Amino acid sequence: MVVKPSGETIDVHFSMSSPAEASEAVGHRTLNLNKVCRALEATSGEGKEASKQLQRHARTTLSGNHQFLVDHPMRPLETQTSWMSFCKNSESFGALDSPIAKVINKVCTQQIHDRS
């Protein structure tokens, strides 16, 4: 999963398989950033820090061109390479700590399923 917070929204690209360029297996949803952040803050552990980071990146012009890899379980090299291939003409990737990435993935996945 790759997320991109910007303004009031968070764009989420997700796939149950390894993403690849022009892959139909990759889904996309635009979620409400405030709802995602409230759900993150309601979780235990890293949720509050995850919320702060998403909000900070959504408001910061310089990081507005960043997407964040939040795959779970984290398989950094394999997964990042696949997502970079999928998003090759897109923005650069930012880094998030693994526990923060894990909770963002969990909350975004729940909200995607709730909207389906």
N, C-alpha and C. Protein backbone atom coordinates (compact mmCIF):
# COMPACT_ATOMS: atom_id res chain seq x y z
N MET A 1 0.85 -1.18 0.00
CA MET A 1 0.00 0.00 0.00
C MET A 1 0.89 1.24 0.00
N VAL A 2 0.47 2.21 -0.78
CA VAL A 2 1.15 3.50 -0.84
C VAL A 2 0.12 4.57 -0.53
N VAL A 3 0.47 5.51 0.35
CA VAL A 3 -0.45 6.60 0.69
C VAL A 3 0.20 7.94 0.37
N LYS A 4 -0.67 8.90 0.04
CA LYS A 4 -0.20 10.26 -0.23
C LYS A 4 -1.17 11.25 0.42
N PRO A 5 -0.79 11.78 1.59
CA PRO A 5 -1.64 12.78 2.23
C PRO A 5 -1.46 14.14 1.56
N SER A 6 -2.56 14.83 1.33
CA SER A 6 -2.49 16.14 0.70
C SER A 6 -3.77 16.91 1.01
N GLY A 7 -3.62 18.05 1.64
CA GLY A 7 -4.79 18.86 1.97
C GLY A 7 -5.71 18.13 2.92
N GLU A 8 -6.95 17.92 2.50
CA GLU A 8 -7.97 17.27 3.33
C GLU A 8 -8.14 15.79 3.01
N THR A 9 -7.32 15.26 2.09
CA THR A 9 -7.51 13.88 1.65
C THR A 9 -6.22 13.08 1.78
N ILE A 10 -6.39 11.77 1.64
CA ILE A 10 -5.25 10.87 1.56
C ILE A 10 -5.54 9.89 0.43
N ASP A 11 -4.71 9.93 -0.60
CA ASP A 11 -4.85 8.99 -1.72
C ASP A 11 -4.18 7.69 -1.33
N VAL A 12 -4.88 6.58 -1.57
CA VAL A 12 -4.38 5.26 -1.19
C VAL A 12 -4.39 4.36 -2.42
N HIS A 13 -3.24 3.80 -2.75
CA HIS A 13 -3.13 2.76 -3.78
C HIS A 13 -2.83 1.46 -3.05
N PHE A 14 -3.52 0.40 -3.43
CA PHE A 14 -3.36 -0.87 -2.71
C PHE A 14 -3.46 -2.03 -3.68
N SER A 15 -2.86 -3.15 -3.28
CA SER A 15 -2.87 -4.34 -4.12
C SER A 15 -2.64 -5.56 -3.25
N MET A 16 -3.32 -6.65 -3.57
CA MET A 16 -3.11 -7.90 -2.85
C MET A 16 -1.96 -8.69 -3.45
N SER A 17 -1.46 -8.26 -4.60
CA SER A 17 -0.31 -8.89 -5.23
C SER A 17 0.76 -7.82 -5.43
N SER A 18 1.89 -8.21 -5.97
CA SER A 18 2.94 -7.22 -6.23
C SER A 18 2.46 -6.26 -7.31
N PRO A 19 2.46 -4.98 -7.03
CA PRO A 19 2.01 -4.01 -8.03
C PRO A 19 3.02 -3.92 -9.16
N ALA A 20 2.53 -3.64 -10.33
CA ALA A 20 3.39 -3.44 -11.49
C ALA A 20 2.78 -2.35 -12.35
N GLU A 21 3.60 -1.79 -13.21
CA GLU A 21 3.13 -0.72 -14.08
C GLU A 21 1.89 -1.16 -14.86
N ALA A 22 0.89 -0.31 -14.89
CA ALA A 22 -0.37 -0.57 -15.61
C ALA A 22 -1.10 -1.80 -15.10
N SER A 23 -0.90 -2.15 -13.85
CA SER A 23 -1.54 -3.32 -13.28
C SER A 23 -3.00 -3.03 -12.93
N GLU A 24 -3.88 -3.91 -13.36
CA GLU A 24 -5.29 -3.77 -13.01
C GLU A 24 -5.56 -4.28 -11.60
N ALA A 25 -4.57 -4.93 -10.99
CA ALA A 25 -4.72 -5.46 -9.64
C ALA A 25 -4.54 -4.38 -8.57
N VAL A 26 -4.20 -3.18 -8.99
CA VAL A 26 -3.99 -2.09 -8.04
C VAL A 26 -5.26 -1.26 -7.94
N GLY A 27 -5.75 -1.13 -6.72
CA GLY A 27 -6.94 -0.31 -6.48
C GLY A 27 -6.54 1.08 -5.99
N HIS A 28 -7.47 2.01 -6.08
CA HIS A 28 -7.23 3.37 -5.62
C HIS A 28 -8.48 3.90 -4.93
N ARG A 29 -8.28 4.53 -3.79
CA ARG A 29 -9.36 5.21 -3.09
C ARG A 29 -8.82 6.53 -2.56
N THR A 30 -9.69 7.51 -2.50
CA THR A 30 -9.35 8.76 -1.84
C THR A 30 -10.16 8.80 -0.56
N LEU A 31 -9.46 8.87 0.56
CA LEU A 31 -10.10 8.87 1.87
C LEU A 31 -10.03 10.26 2.48
N ASN A 32 -10.93 10.52 3.42
CA ASN A 32 -10.93 11.77 4.15
C ASN A 32 -9.82 11.72 5.19
N LEU A 33 -8.88 12.65 5.11
CA LEU A 33 -7.73 12.64 6.01
C LEU A 33 -8.15 12.79 7.46
N ASN A 34 -9.14 13.63 7.75
CA ASN A 34 -9.57 13.80 9.13
C ASN A 34 -10.14 12.52 9.71
N LYS A 35 -10.90 11.76 8.92
CA LYS A 35 -11.44 10.48 9.40
C LYS A 35 -10.33 9.48 9.65
N VAL A 36 -9.36 9.43 8.75
CA VAL A 36 -8.23 8.52 8.93
C VAL A 36 -7.47 8.90 10.20
N CYS A 37 -7.23 10.18 10.40
CA CYS A 37 -6.48 10.62 11.58
C CYS A 37 -7.24 10.35 12.88
N ARG A 38 -8.55 10.55 12.87
CA ARG A 38 -9.34 10.24 14.07
C ARG A 38 -9.27 8.75 14.40
N ALA A 39 -9.35 7.91 13.37
CA ALA A 39 -9.25 6.47 13.58
C ALA A 39 -7.86 6.09 14.07
N LEU A 40 -6.83 6.72 13.54
CA LEU A 40 -5.47 6.45 14.01
C LEU A 40 -5.32 6.83 15.47
N GLU A 41 -5.84 7.98 15.85
CA GLU A 41 -5.73 8.46 17.23
C GLU A 41 -6.49 7.57 18.20
N ALA A 42 -7.49 6.86 17.72
CA ALA A 42 -8.27 5.96 18.58
C ALA A 42 -7.59 4.61 18.78
N THR A 43 -6.53 4.33 18.02
CA THR A 43 -5.82 3.07 18.18
C THR A 43 -4.75 3.20 19.25
N SER A 44 -4.32 2.07 19.76
CA SER A 44 -3.24 2.10 20.75
C SER A 44 -1.90 2.12 20.04
N GLY A 45 -0.87 2.40 20.77
CA GLY A 45 0.47 2.35 20.20
C GLY A 45 0.82 3.59 19.40
N GLU A 46 1.18 3.38 18.15
CA GLU A 46 1.74 4.43 17.30
C GLU A 46 0.70 5.30 16.59
N GLY A 47 -0.57 5.09 16.87
CA GLY A 47 -1.63 5.79 16.14
C GLY A 47 -1.56 7.31 16.21
N LYS A 48 -1.29 7.84 17.40
CA LYS A 48 -1.23 9.30 17.53
C LYS A 48 -0.06 9.89 16.75
N GLU A 49 1.09 9.22 16.81
CA GLU A 49 2.24 9.70 16.05
C GLU A 49 1.99 9.58 14.55
N ALA A 50 1.34 8.50 14.13
CA ALA A 50 1.01 8.32 12.71
C ALA A 50 0.10 9.44 12.23
N SER A 51 -0.89 9.78 13.04
CA SER A 51 -1.81 10.86 12.71
C SER A 51 -1.06 12.18 12.56
N LYS A 52 -0.17 12.47 13.50
CA LYS A 52 0.62 13.71 13.43
C LYS A 52 1.45 13.78 12.16
N GLN A 53 2.08 12.66 11.81
CA GLN A 53 2.93 12.66 10.62
C GLN A 53 2.11 12.86 9.34
N LEU A 54 0.96 12.18 9.24
CA LEU A 54 0.12 12.36 8.05
C LEU A 54 -0.36 13.80 7.94
N GLN A 55 -0.80 14.37 9.06
CA GLN A 55 -1.28 15.76 9.03
C GLN A 55 -0.15 16.72 8.66
N ARG A 56 1.03 16.49 9.20
CA ARG A 56 2.17 17.36 8.89
C ARG A 56 2.51 17.29 7.41
N HIS A 57 2.55 16.08 6.85
CA HIS A 57 2.89 15.93 5.44
C HIS A 57 1.78 16.47 4.53
N ALA A 58 0.54 16.41 4.97
CA ALA A 58 -0.57 16.93 4.17
C ALA A 58 -0.51 18.45 4.06
N ARG A 59 0.03 19.10 5.10
CA ARG A 59 0.09 20.57 5.13
C ARG A 59 1.39 21.13 4.57
N THR A 60 2.42 20.31 4.47
CA THR A 60 3.74 20.79 4.08
C THR A 60 3.91 20.74 2.58
N THR A 61 4.14 21.88 1.99
CA THR A 61 4.32 21.96 0.53
C THR A 61 5.48 21.10 0.07
N LEU A 62 6.59 21.13 0.77
CA LEU A 62 7.77 20.39 0.34
C LEU A 62 7.55 18.89 0.35
N SER A 63 6.78 18.38 1.30
CA SER A 63 6.55 16.93 1.33
C SER A 63 5.27 16.56 0.59
N GLY A 64 4.60 17.54 0.01
CA GLY A 64 3.37 17.27 -0.72
C GLY A 64 3.55 16.42 -1.95
N ASN A 65 4.79 16.25 -2.37
CA ASN A 65 5.07 15.41 -3.52
C ASN A 65 5.51 14.02 -3.12
N HIS A 66 5.34 13.66 -1.87
CA HIS A 66 5.79 12.36 -1.40
C HIS A 66 4.63 11.39 -1.22
N GLN A 67 4.90 10.18 -1.60
CA GLN A 67 4.03 9.06 -1.27
C GLN A 67 4.78 8.24 -0.24
N PHE A 68 4.04 7.50 0.58
CA PHE A 68 4.67 6.72 1.64
C PHE A 68 4.27 5.26 1.51
N LEU A 69 5.27 4.41 1.51
CA LEU A 69 5.05 2.98 1.45
C LEU A 69 4.64 2.51 2.83
N VAL A 70 3.46 1.89 2.93
CA VAL A 70 2.96 1.41 4.22
C VAL A 70 2.50 -0.04 4.12
N ASP A 71 3.22 -0.84 3.34
CA ASP A 71 2.85 -2.25 3.20
C ASP A 71 3.03 -2.99 4.51
N HIS A 72 2.19 -4.01 4.70
CA HIS A 72 2.27 -4.86 5.88
C HIS A 72 2.02 -6.29 5.44
N PRO A 73 2.87 -7.25 5.76
CA PRO A 73 4.11 -7.02 6.50
C PRO A 73 5.13 -6.31 5.62
N MET A 74 6.00 -5.55 6.26
CA MET A 74 6.99 -4.79 5.51
C MET A 74 8.00 -5.73 4.86
N ARG A 75 8.12 -5.62 3.56
CA ARG A 75 9.14 -6.33 2.80
C ARG A 75 9.86 -5.24 2.00
N PRO A 76 10.70 -4.47 2.67
CA PRO A 76 11.17 -3.21 2.10
C PRO A 76 11.67 -3.26 0.67
N LEU A 77 12.69 -4.03 0.37
CA LEU A 77 13.28 -3.96 -0.96
C LEU A 77 12.33 -4.47 -2.04
N GLU A 78 11.78 -5.67 -1.84
CA GLU A 78 10.88 -6.26 -2.83
C GLU A 78 9.65 -5.39 -3.06
N THR A 79 9.01 -4.98 -1.98
CA THR A 79 7.78 -4.21 -2.09
C THR A 79 8.05 -2.81 -2.63
N GLN A 80 9.07 -2.17 -2.12
CA GLN A 80 9.37 -0.81 -2.58
C GLN A 80 9.70 -0.82 -4.06
N THR A 81 10.45 -1.80 -4.51
CA THR A 81 10.79 -1.90 -5.93
C THR A 81 9.53 -2.06 -6.77
N SER A 82 8.59 -2.89 -6.31
CA SER A 82 7.33 -3.09 -7.04
C SER A 82 6.53 -1.80 -7.11
N TRP A 83 6.40 -1.11 -6.00
CA TRP A 83 5.63 0.14 -6.00
C TRP A 83 6.33 1.22 -6.81
N MET A 84 7.65 1.27 -6.77
CA MET A 84 8.37 2.26 -7.58
C MET A 84 8.15 1.99 -9.06
N SER A 85 8.07 0.72 -9.42
CA SER A 85 7.78 0.37 -10.81
C SER A 85 6.38 0.83 -11.19
N PHE A 86 5.41 0.60 -10.31
CA PHE A 86 4.03 0.99 -10.57
C PHE A 86 3.91 2.51 -10.69
N CYS A 87 4.59 3.22 -9.83
CA CYS A 87 4.49 4.69 -9.76
C CYS A 87 5.66 5.38 -10.43
N LYS A 88 6.25 4.76 -11.44
CA LYS A 88 7.52 5.26 -11.97
C LYS A 88 7.47 6.71 -12.46
N ASN A 89 6.34 7.17 -12.93
CA ASN A 89 6.25 8.55 -13.39
C ASN A 89 5.69 9.47 -12.32
N SER A 90 5.69 8.96 -11.11
CA SER A 90 5.04 9.68 -10.04
C SER A 90 6.05 10.34 -9.11
N GLU A 91 5.57 10.74 -7.98
CA GLU A 91 6.37 11.44 -7.00
C GLU A 91 7.35 10.51 -6.30
N SER A 92 8.24 11.10 -5.53
CA SER A 92 9.21 10.32 -4.78
C SER A 92 8.55 9.69 -3.55
N PHE A 93 9.25 8.73 -2.99
CA PHE A 93 8.76 8.05 -1.80
C PHE A 93 9.39 8.64 -0.55
N GLY A 94 8.60 8.77 0.49
CA GLY A 94 9.10 9.16 1.79
C GLY A 94 9.20 7.94 2.67
N ALA A 95 9.84 8.11 3.81
CA ALA A 95 10.03 6.98 4.72
C ALA A 95 9.24 7.21 6.01
N LEU A 96 8.62 6.15 6.48
CA LEU A 96 7.94 6.15 7.76
C LEU A 96 8.47 4.97 8.56
N ASP A 97 8.53 5.11 9.88
CA ASP A 97 8.94 3.98 10.72
C ASP A 97 7.96 2.83 10.54
N SER A 98 8.47 1.61 10.65
CA SER A 98 7.65 0.42 10.41
C SER A 98 6.39 0.35 11.28
N PRO A 99 6.46 0.61 12.61
CA PRO A 99 5.22 0.56 13.40
C PRO A 99 4.19 1.60 12.96
N ILE A 100 4.66 2.76 12.54
CA ILE A 100 3.75 3.80 12.06
C ILE A 100 3.14 3.39 10.73
N ALA A 101 3.96 2.86 9.84
CA ALA A 101 3.45 2.37 8.55
C ALA A 101 2.41 1.28 8.76
N LYS A 102 2.66 0.39 9.70
CA LYS A 102 1.74 -0.73 9.97
C LYS A 102 0.37 -0.23 10.41
N VAL A 103 0.32 0.75 11.31
CA VAL A 103 -0.97 1.23 11.80
C VAL A 103 -1.69 2.04 10.72
N ILE A 104 -0.96 2.78 9.90
CA ILE A 104 -1.59 3.51 8.79
C ILE A 104 -2.20 2.52 7.81
N ASN A 105 -1.48 1.46 7.50
CA ASN A 105 -1.99 0.42 6.60
C ASN A 105 -3.28 -0.18 7.17
N LYS A 106 -3.27 -0.50 8.45
CA LYS A 106 -4.43 -1.13 9.09
C LYS A 106 -5.66 -0.22 9.02
N VAL A 107 -5.50 1.04 9.39
CA VAL A 107 -6.63 1.97 9.40
C VAL A 107 -7.14 2.24 7.99
N CYS A 108 -6.25 2.45 7.05
CA CYS A 108 -6.68 2.69 5.66
C CYS A 108 -7.40 1.47 5.10
N THR A 109 -6.88 0.28 5.40
CA THR A 109 -7.54 -0.95 4.94
C THR A 109 -8.95 -1.05 5.51
N GLN A 110 -9.11 -0.76 6.80
CA GLN A 110 -10.44 -0.79 7.42
C GLN A 110 -11.38 0.20 6.74
N GLN A 111 -10.91 1.40 6.48
CA GLN A 111 -11.78 2.41 5.88
C GLN A 111 -12.12 2.08 4.43
N ILE A 112 -11.20 1.47 3.72
CA ILE A 112 -11.49 1.03 2.35
C ILE A 112 -12.57 -0.05 2.38
N HIS A 113 -12.45 -1.01 3.29
CA HIS A 113 -13.46 -2.07 3.40
C HIS A 113 -14.81 -1.52 3.84
N ASP A 114 -14.81 -0.53 4.73
CA ASP A 114 -16.06 0.07 5.20
C ASP A 114 -16.79 0.80 4.07
N ARG A 115 -16.04 1.32 3.10
CA ARG A 115 -16.64 2.05 1.98
C ARG A 115 -17.12 1.13 0.87
N SER A 116 -16.67 -0.12 0.90
CA SER A 116 -17.04 -1.07 -0.18
C SER A 116 -18.45 -1.57 -0.05
